[in-house]
Amino acid sequence: MEIGSKLGIKFKKANTISFAGINGDMIQGFISEVFIELGETTLKTRAVFAPVGNGALGEYGLFDLCKLRFDLKSKTIEIETS
């Protein structure tokens, strides 16, 4: 939730969702609308912020809107918007 706080998200006003973590424990997350800027393209999507870790969850809202190419060897990520 640290990232969400830095983005100015007001968690008291956000909808909540419960989901299972990797170890099976239930976690409560907060859903908020966010905007992702990629070059001159701005994508409006929803993100879930949880009080554990600093990762991104799910595949909808970025992976379904863009083509992503990960190159581990050169440590680069290419994102192509439609």
PDB file of N, CA and C in Angstrom:
ATOM      1  N   MET A   1       0.818  -1.184   0.000  1.00  0.00           N
ATOM      2  CA  MET A   1       0.000   0.000   0.000  1.00  0.00           C
ATOM      3  C   MET A   1       0.866   1.255   0.000  1.00  0.00           C
ATOM      4  N   GLU A   2       2.139   1.067   0.229  1.00  0.00           N
ATOM      5  CA  GLU A   2       3.055   2.205   0.230  1.00  0.00           C
ATOM      6  C   GLU A   2       3.044   2.920  -1.124  1.00  0.00           C
ATOM      7  N   ILE A   3       3.040   2.147  -2.212  1.00  0.00           N
ATOM      8  CA  ILE A   3       3.014   2.744  -3.549  1.00  0.00           C
ATOM      9  C   ILE A   3       1.710   3.519  -3.744  1.00  0.00           C
ATOM     10  N   GLY A   4       0.600   2.942  -3.360  1.00  0.00           N
ATOM     11  CA  GLY A   4      -0.694   3.617  -3.482  1.00  0.00           C
ATOM     12  C   GLY A   4      -0.732   4.906  -2.681  1.00  0.00           C
ATOM     13  N   SER A   5      -0.181   4.885  -1.494  1.00  0.00           N
ATOM     14  CA  SER A   5      -0.129   6.098  -0.673  1.00  0.00           C
ATOM     15  C   SER A   5       0.693   7.179  -1.360  1.00  0.00           C
ATOM     16  N   LYS A   6       1.815   6.788  -1.964  1.00  0.00           N
ATOM     17  CA  LYS A   6       2.648   7.754  -2.680  1.00  0.00           C
ATOM     18  C   LYS A   6       1.931   8.328  -3.898  1.00  0.00           C
ATOM     19  N   LEU A   7       0.980   7.561  -4.462  1.00  0.00           N
ATOM     20  CA  LEU A   7       0.192   8.028  -5.601  1.00  0.00           C
ATOM     21  C   LEU A   7      -0.994   8.888  -5.162  1.00  0.00           C
ATOM     22  N   GLY A   8      -1.186   9.011  -3.844  1.00  0.00           N
ATOM     23  CA  GLY A   8      -2.272   9.841  -3.332  1.00  0.00           C
ATOM     24  C   GLY A   8      -3.612   9.142  -3.245  1.00  0.00           C
ATOM     25  N   ILE A   9      -3.614   7.825  -3.244  1.00  0.00           N
ATOM     26  CA  ILE A   9      -4.868   7.071  -3.185  1.00  0.00           C
ATOM     27  C   ILE A   9      -5.412   7.101  -1.762  1.00  0.00           C
ATOM     28  N   LYS A  10      -6.707   7.380  -1.657  1.00  0.00           N
ATOM     29  CA  LYS A  10      -7.390   7.438  -0.358  1.00  0.00           C
ATOM     30  C   LYS A  10      -8.037   6.073  -0.098  1.00  0.00           C
ATOM     31  N   PHE A  11      -7.363   5.238   0.687  1.00  0.00           N
ATOM     32  CA  PHE A  11      -7.834   3.870   0.892  1.00  0.00           C
ATOM     33  C   PHE A  11      -9.143   3.790   1.669  1.00  0.00           C
ATOM     34  N   LYS A  12      -9.446   4.790   2.482  1.00  0.00           N
ATOM     35  CA  LYS A  12     -10.706   4.768   3.233  1.00  0.00           C
ATOM     36  C   LYS A  12     -11.908   4.843   2.298  1.00  0.00           C
ATOM     37  N   LYS A  13     -11.717   5.411   1.096  1.00  0.00           N
ATOM     38  CA  LYS A  13     -12.801   5.550   0.131  1.00  0.00           C
ATOM     39  C   LYS A  13     -12.805   4.428  -0.904  1.00  0.00           C
ATOM     40  N   ALA A  14     -11.792   3.574  -0.901  1.00  0.00           N
ATOM     41  CA  ALA A  14     -11.641   2.528  -1.924  1.00  0.00           C
ATOM     42  C   ALA A  14     -12.492   1.310  -1.602  1.00  0.00           C
ATOM     43  N   ASN A  15     -12.936   0.613  -2.651  1.00  0.00           N
ATOM     44  CA  ASN A  15     -13.615  -0.672  -2.488  1.00  0.00           C
ATOM     45  C   ASN A  15     -12.580  -1.708  -2.076  1.00  0.00           C
ATOM     46  N   THR A  16     -13.031  -2.732  -1.361  1.00  0.00           N
ATOM     47  CA  THR A  16     -12.106  -3.770  -0.913  1.00  0.00           C
ATOM     48  C   THR A  16     -12.396  -5.090  -1.632  1.00  0.00           C
ATOM     49  N   ILE A  17     -11.374  -5.932  -1.646  1.00  0.00           N
ATOM     50  CA  ILE A  17     -11.481  -7.268  -2.237  1.00  0.00           C
ATOM     51  C   ILE A  17     -10.611  -8.203  -1.402  1.00  0.00           C
ATOM     52  N   SER A  18     -11.051  -9.427  -1.210  1.00  0.00           N
ATOM     53  CA  SER A  18     -10.253 -10.433  -0.501  1.00  0.00           C
ATOM     54  C   SER A  18      -9.751 -11.446  -1.513  1.00  0.00           C
ATOM     55  N   PHE A  19      -8.497 -11.853  -1.359  1.00  0.00           N
ATOM     56  CA  PHE A  19      -7.913 -12.847  -2.255  1.00  0.00           C
ATOM     57  C   PHE A  19      -6.884 -13.644  -1.482  1.00  0.00           C
ATOM     58  N   ALA A  20      -6.514 -14.808  -2.025  1.00  0.00           N
ATOM     59  CA  ALA A  20      -5.542 -15.680  -1.365  1.00  0.00           C
ATOM     60  C   ALA A  20      -4.140 -15.348  -1.860  1.00  0.00           C
ATOM     61  N   GLY A  21      -3.204 -15.267  -0.926  1.00  0.00           N
ATOM     62  CA  GLY A  21      -1.804 -15.064  -1.269  1.00  0.00           C
ATOM     63  C   GLY A  21      -1.170 -16.383  -1.696  1.00  0.00           C
ATOM     64  N   ILE A  22       0.100 -16.340  -1.998  1.00  0.00           N
ATOM     65  CA  ILE A  22       0.825 -17.525  -2.456  1.00  0.00           C
ATOM     66  C   ILE A  22       0.755 -18.658  -1.435  1.00  0.00           C
ATOM     67  N   ASN A  23       0.821 -18.312  -0.153  1.00  0.00           N
ATOM     68  CA  ASN A  23       0.797 -19.341   0.886  1.00  0.00           C
ATOM     69  C   ASN A  23      -0.623 -19.741   1.286  1.00  0.00           C
ATOM     70  N   GLY A  24      -1.633 -19.181   0.622  1.00  0.00           N
ATOM     71  CA  GLY A  24      -3.016 -19.539   0.907  1.00  0.00           C
ATOM     72  C   GLY A  24      -3.704 -18.644   1.915  1.00  0.00           C
ATOM     73  N   ASP A  25      -2.958 -17.766   2.587  1.00  0.00           N
ATOM     74  CA  ASP A  25      -3.564 -16.847   3.551  1.00  0.00           C
ATOM     75  C   ASP A  25      -4.438 -15.831   2.820  1.00  0.00           C
ATOM     76  N   MET A  26      -5.576 -15.486   3.409  1.00  0.00           N
ATOM     77  CA  MET A  26      -6.463 -14.489   2.816  1.00  0.00           C
ATOM     78  C   MET A  26      -5.921 -13.082   3.110  1.00  0.00           C
ATOM     79  N   ILE A  27      -5.959 -12.234   2.081  1.00  0.00           N
ATOM     80  CA  ILE A  27      -5.444 -10.867   2.174  1.00  0.00           C
ATOM     81  C   ILE A  27      -6.544  -9.926   1.708  1.00  0.00           C
ATOM     82  N   GLN A  28      -6.684  -8.798   2.375  1.00  0.00           N
ATOM     83  CA  GLN A  28      -7.642  -7.787   1.949  1.00  0.00           C
ATOM     84  C   GLN A  28      -6.900  -6.718   1.151  1.00  0.00           C
ATOM     85  N   GLY A  29      -7.397  -6.436  -0.039  1.00  0.00           N
ATOM     86  CA  GLY A  29      -6.804  -5.409  -0.877  1.00  0.00           C
ATOM     87  C   GLY A  29      -7.792  -4.288  -1.127  1.00  0.00           C
ATOM     88  N   PHE A  30      -7.285  -3.194  -1.622  1.00  0.00           N
ATOM     89  CA  PHE A  30      -8.095  -2.016  -1.897  1.00  0.00           C
ATOM     90  C   PHE A  30      -8.020  -1.712  -3.394  1.00  0.00           C
ATOM     91  N   ILE A  31      -9.187  -1.597  -4.032  1.00  0.00           N
ATOM     92  CA  ILE A  31      -9.259  -1.370  -5.477  1.00  0.00           C
ATOM     93  C   ILE A  31      -9.343   0.130  -5.738  1.00  0.00           C
ATOM     94  N   SER A  32      -8.516   0.595  -6.667  1.00  0.00           N
ATOM     95  CA  SER A  32      -8.545   2.012  -7.029  1.00  0.00           C
ATOM     96  C   SER A  32      -8.284   2.164  -8.521  1.00  0.00           C
ATOM     97  N   GLU A  33      -8.883   3.188  -9.104  1.00  0.00           N
ATOM     98  CA  GLU A  33      -8.624   3.525 -10.494  1.00  0.00           C
ATOM     99  C   GLU A  33      -7.274   4.221 -10.582  1.00  0.00           C
ATOM    100  N   VAL A  34      -6.485   3.846 -11.564  1.00  0.00           N
ATOM    101  CA  VAL A  34      -5.183   4.491 -11.777  1.00  0.00           C
ATOM    102  C   VAL A  34      -4.999   4.756 -13.268  1.00  0.00           C
ATOM    103  N   PHE A  35      -4.086   5.644 -13.571  1.00  0.00           N
ATOM    104  CA  PHE A  35      -3.734   5.950 -14.950  1.00  0.00           C
ATOM    105  C   PHE A  35      -2.274   5.587 -15.150  1.00  0.00           C
ATOM    106  N   ILE A  36      -1.997   4.844 -16.218  1.00  0.00           N
ATOM    107  CA  ILE A  36      -0.634   4.452 -16.551  1.00  0.00           C
ATOM    108  C   ILE A  36      -0.244   5.191 -17.816  1.00  0.00           C
ATOM    109  N   GLU A  37       0.837   5.959 -17.751  1.00  0.00           N
ATOM    110  CA  GLU A  37       1.302   6.693 -18.923  1.00  0.00           C
ATOM    111  C   GLU A  37       2.455   5.939 -19.566  1.00  0.00           C
ATOM    112  N   LEU A  38       2.292   5.619 -20.848  1.00  0.00           N
ATOM    113  CA  LEU A  38       3.308   4.932 -21.638  1.00  0.00           C
ATOM    114  C   LEU A  38       3.579   5.791 -22.865  1.00  0.00           C
ATOM    115  N   GLY A  39       4.652   6.548 -22.828  1.00  0.00           N
ATOM    116  CA  GLY A  39       4.916   7.478 -23.919  1.00  0.00           C
ATOM    117  C   GLY A  39       3.807   8.499 -23.983  1.00  0.00           C
ATOM    118  N   GLU A  40       3.144   8.590 -25.133  1.00  0.00           N
ATOM    119  CA  GLU A  40       2.052   9.545 -25.290  1.00  0.00           C
ATOM    120  C   GLU A  40       0.682   8.909 -25.076  1.00  0.00           C
ATOM    121  N   THR A  41       0.673   7.649 -24.657  1.00  0.00           N
ATOM    122  CA  THR A  41      -0.575   6.929 -24.416  1.00  0.00           C
ATOM    123  C   THR A  41      -0.845   6.855 -22.922  1.00  0.00           C
ATOM    124  N   THR A  42      -2.087   7.160 -22.524  1.00  0.00           N
ATOM    125  CA  THR A  42      -2.505   7.036 -21.132  1.00  0.00           C
ATOM    126  C   THR A  42      -3.587   5.968 -21.054  1.00  0.00           C
ATOM    127  N   LEU A  43      -3.362   4.973 -20.199  1.00  0.00           N
ATOM    128  CA  LEU A  43      -4.320   3.886 -20.006  1.00  0.00           C
ATOM    129  C   LEU A  43      -5.007   4.065 -18.662  1.00  0.00           C
ATOM    130  N   LYS A  44      -6.320   3.984 -18.653  1.00  0.00           N
ATOM    131  CA  LYS A  44      -7.090   4.024 -17.412  1.00  0.00           C
ATOM    132  C   LYS A  44      -7.391   2.588 -17.024  1.00  0.00           C
ATOM    133  N   THR A  45      -7.049   2.199 -15.807  1.00  0.00           N
ATOM    134  CA  THR A  45      -7.262   0.829 -15.371  1.00  0.00           C
ATOM    135  C   THR A  45      -7.527   0.815 -13.867  1.00  0.00           C
ATOM    136  N   ARG A  46      -7.732  -0.354 -13.323  1.00  0.00           N
ATOM    137  CA  ARG A  46      -7.905  -0.513 -11.875  1.00  0.00           C
ATOM    138  C   ARG A  46      -6.717  -1.287 -11.328  1.00  0.00           C
ATOM    139  N   ALA A  47      -6.329  -0.958 -10.120  1.00  0.00           N
ATOM    140  CA  ALA A  47      -5.238  -1.665  -9.451  1.00  0.00           C
ATOM    141  C   ALA A  47      -5.692  -2.051  -8.053  1.00  0.00           C
ATOM    142  N   VAL A  48      -5.134  -3.147  -7.557  1.00  0.00           N
ATOM    143  CA  VAL A  48      -5.403  -3.593  -6.188  1.00  0.00           C
ATOM    144  C   VAL A  48      -4.142  -3.378  -5.379  1.00  0.00           C
ATOM    145  N   PHE A  49      -4.279  -2.671  -4.270  1.00  0.00           N
ATOM    146  CA  PHE A  49      -3.169  -2.407  -3.362  1.00  0.00           C
ATOM    147  C   PHE A  49      -3.411  -3.187  -2.084  1.00  0.00           C
ATOM    148  N   ALA A  50      -2.387  -3.904  -1.625  1.00  0.00           N
ATOM    149  CA  ALA A  50      -2.510  -4.738  -0.430  1.00  0.00           C
ATOM    150  C   ALA A  50      -1.414  -4.368   0.564  1.00  0.00           C
ATOM    151  N   PRO A  51      -1.663  -4.610   1.861  1.00  0.00           N
ATOM    152  CA  PRO A  51      -0.693  -4.232   2.893  1.00  0.00           C
ATOM    153  C   PRO A  51       0.487  -5.190   3.020  1.00  0.00           C
ATOM    154  N   VAL A  52       0.754  -5.990   1.996  1.00  0.00           N
ATOM    155  CA  VAL A  52       1.905  -6.902   2.012  1.00  0.00           C
ATOM    156  C   VAL A  52       2.649  -6.793   0.692  1.00  0.00           C
ATOM    157  N   GLY A  53       3.946  -6.831   0.742  1.00  0.00           N
ATOM    158  CA  GLY A  53       4.756  -6.835  -0.474  1.00  0.00           C
ATOM    159  C   GLY A  53       4.687  -5.551  -1.273  1.00  0.00           C
ATOM    160  N   ASN A  54       5.361  -5.556  -2.403  1.00  0.00           N
ATOM    161  CA  ASN A  54       5.391  -4.405  -3.308  1.00  0.00           C
ATOM    162  C   ASN A  54       5.244  -4.858  -4.741  1.00  0.00           C
ATOM    163  N   GLY A  55       4.383  -5.813  -4.992  1.00  0.00           N
ATOM    164  CA  GLY A  55       4.266  -6.354  -6.333  1.00  0.00           C
ATOM    165  C   GLY A  55       3.000  -5.922  -7.031  1.00  0.00           C
ATOM    166  N   ALA A  56       2.848  -6.406  -8.237  1.00  0.00           N
ATOM    167  CA  ALA A  56       1.643  -6.180  -9.021  1.00  0.00           C
ATOM    168  C   ALA A  56       0.925  -7.510  -9.163  1.00  0.00           C
ATOM    169  N   LEU A  57      -0.384  -7.473  -9.054  1.00  0.00           N
ATOM    170  CA  LEU A  57      -1.170  -8.696  -9.150  1.00  0.00           C
ATOM    171  C   LEU A  57      -2.064  -8.643 -10.368  1.00  0.00           C
ATOM    172  N   GLY A  58      -2.325  -9.765 -10.951  1.00  0.00           N
ATOM    173  CA  GLY A  58      -3.317  -9.858 -12.007  1.00  0.00           C
ATOM    174  C   GLY A  58      -2.773  -9.588 -13.395  1.00  0.00           C
ATOM    175  N   GLU A  59      -3.645  -9.869 -14.359  1.00  0.00           N
ATOM    176  CA  GLU A  59      -3.244  -9.709 -15.752  1.00  0.00           C
ATOM    177  C   GLU A  59      -4.128  -8.730 -16.488  1.00  0.00           C
ATOM    178  N   TYR A  60      -5.226  -8.303 -15.892  1.00  0.00           N
ATOM    179  CA  TYR A  60      -6.135  -7.388 -16.568  1.00  0.00           C
ATOM    180  C   TYR A  60      -5.808  -5.948 -16.205  1.00  0.00           C
ATOM    181  N   GLY A  61      -5.928  -5.076 -17.184  1.00  0.00           N
ATOM    182  CA  GLY A  61      -5.657  -3.668 -16.956  1.00  0.00           C
ATOM    183  C   GLY A  61      -4.320  -3.217 -17.510  1.00  0.00           C
ATOM    184  N   LEU A  62      -3.440  -4.129 -17.855  1.00  0.00           N
ATOM    185  CA  LEU A  62      -2.191  -3.806 -18.539  1.00  0.00           C
ATOM    186  C   LEU A  62      -1.889  -4.901 -19.563  1.00  0.00           C
ATOM    187  N   PHE A  63      -1.793  -6.134 -19.108  1.00  0.00           N
ATOM    188  CA  PHE A  63      -1.436  -7.233 -20.004  1.00  0.00           C
ATOM    189  C   PHE A  63      -2.490  -7.478 -21.084  1.00  0.00           C
ATOM    190  N   ASP A  64      -3.748  -7.147 -20.810  1.00  0.00           N
ATOM    191  CA  ASP A  64      -4.778  -7.328 -21.837  1.00  0.00           C
ATOM    192  C   ASP A  64      -4.895  -6.111 -22.747  1.00  0.00           C
ATOM    193  N   LEU A  65      -4.272  -4.994 -22.391  1.00  0.00           N
ATOM    194  CA  LEU A  65      -4.339  -3.771 -23.186  1.00  0.00           C
ATOM    195  C   LEU A  65      -3.090  -3.530 -24.023  1.00  0.00           C
ATOM    196  N   CYS A  66      -1.988  -4.169 -23.663  1.00  0.00           N
ATOM    197  CA  CYS A  66      -0.706  -3.916 -24.321  1.00  0.00           C
ATOM    198  C   CYS A  66       0.007  -5.223 -24.644  1.00  0.00           C
ATOM    199  N   LYS A  67       0.955  -5.118 -25.551  1.00  0.00           N
ATOM    200  CA  LYS A  67       1.844  -6.238 -25.832  1.00  0.00           C
ATOM    201  C   LYS A  67       3.138  -5.962 -25.069  1.00  0.00           C
ATOM    202  N   LEU A  68       3.542  -6.898 -24.220  1.00  0.00           N
ATOM    203  CA  LEU A  68       4.753  -6.734 -23.422  1.00  0.00           C
ATOM    204  C   LEU A  68       5.793  -7.762 -23.824  1.00  0.00           C
ATOM    205  N   ARG A  69       7.023  -7.330 -23.863  1.00  0.00           N
ATOM    206  CA  ARG A  69       8.136  -8.217 -24.188  1.00  0.00           C
ATOM    207  C   ARG A  69       9.201  -8.023 -23.108  1.00  0.00           C
ATOM    208  N   PHE A  70       9.503  -9.076 -22.379  1.00  0.00           N
ATOM    209  CA  PHE A  70      10.506  -9.060 -21.327  1.00  0.00           C
ATOM    210  C   PHE A  70      11.786  -9.687 -21.855  1.00  0.00           C
ATOM    211  N   ASP A  71      12.905  -8.999 -21.703  1.00  0.00           N
ATOM    212  CA  ASP A  71      14.204  -9.533 -22.119  1.00  0.00           C
ATOM    213  C   ASP A  71      15.101  -9.555 -20.890  1.00  0.00           C
ATOM    214  N   LEU A  72      15.148 -10.702 -20.243  1.00  0.00           N
ATOM    215  CA  LEU A  72      15.907 -10.835 -19.003  1.00  0.00           C
ATOM    216  C   LEU A  72      17.393 -10.585 -19.213  1.00  0.00           C
ATOM    217  N   LYS A  73      17.918 -11.070 -20.332  1.00  0.00           N
ATOM    218  CA  LYS A  73      19.342 -10.929 -20.606  1.00  0.00           C
ATOM    219  C   LYS A  73      19.772  -9.462 -20.665  1.00  0.00           C
ATOM    220  N   SER A  74      19.006  -8.633 -21.366  1.00  0.00           N
ATOM    221  CA  SER A  74      19.373  -7.222 -21.469  1.00  0.00           C
ATOM    222  C   SER A  74      18.674  -6.361 -20.414  1.00  0.00           C
ATOM    223  N   LYS A  75      17.866  -7.002 -19.562  1.00  0.00           N
ATOM    224  CA  LYS A  75      17.150  -6.325 -18.481  1.00  0.00           C
ATOM    225  C   LYS A  75      16.276  -5.187 -19.006  1.00  0.00           C
ATOM    226  N   THR A  76      15.509  -5.491 -20.058  1.00  0.00           N
ATOM    227  CA  THR A  76      14.612  -4.493 -20.638  1.00  0.00           C
ATOM    228  C   THR A  76      13.194  -5.036 -20.734  1.00  0.00           C
ATOM    229  N   ILE A  77      12.248  -4.108 -20.768  1.00  0.00           N
ATOM    230  CA  ILE A  77      10.844  -4.429 -20.981  1.00  0.00           C
ATOM    231  C   ILE A  77      10.347  -3.493 -22.070  1.00  0.00           C
ATOM    232  N   GLU A  78       9.755  -4.076 -23.122  1.00  0.00           N
ATOM    233  CA  GLU A  78       9.152  -3.288 -24.191  1.00  0.00           C
ATOM    234  C   GLU A  78       7.652  -3.378 -24.043  1.00  0.00           C
ATOM    235  N   ILE A  79       6.976  -2.234 -24.084  1.00  0.00           N
ATOM    236  CA  ILE A  79       5.537  -2.195 -23.985  1.00  0.00           C
ATOM    237  C   ILE A  79       4.987  -1.518 -25.233  1.00  0.00           C
ATOM    238  N   GLU A  80       4.128  -2.238 -25.948  1.00  0.00           N
ATOM    239  CA  GLU A  80       3.546  -1.720 -27.188  1.00  0.00           C
ATOM    240  C   GLU A  80       2.052  -1.529 -26.960  1.00  0.00           C
ATOM    241  N   THR A  81       1.599  -0.293 -27.127  1.00  0.00           N
ATOM    242  CA  THR A  81       0.177  -0.019 -26.993  1.00  0.00           C
ATOM    243  C   THR A  81      -0.466  -0.066 -28.370  1.00  0.00           C
ATOM    244  N   SER A  82      -1.771  -0.373 -28.380  1.00  0.00           N
ATOM    245  CA  SER A  82      -2.456  -0.451 -29.675  1.00  0.00           C
ATOM    246  C   SER A  82      -3.078   0.867 -30.060  1.00  0.00           C
TER     247      SER A  82
END
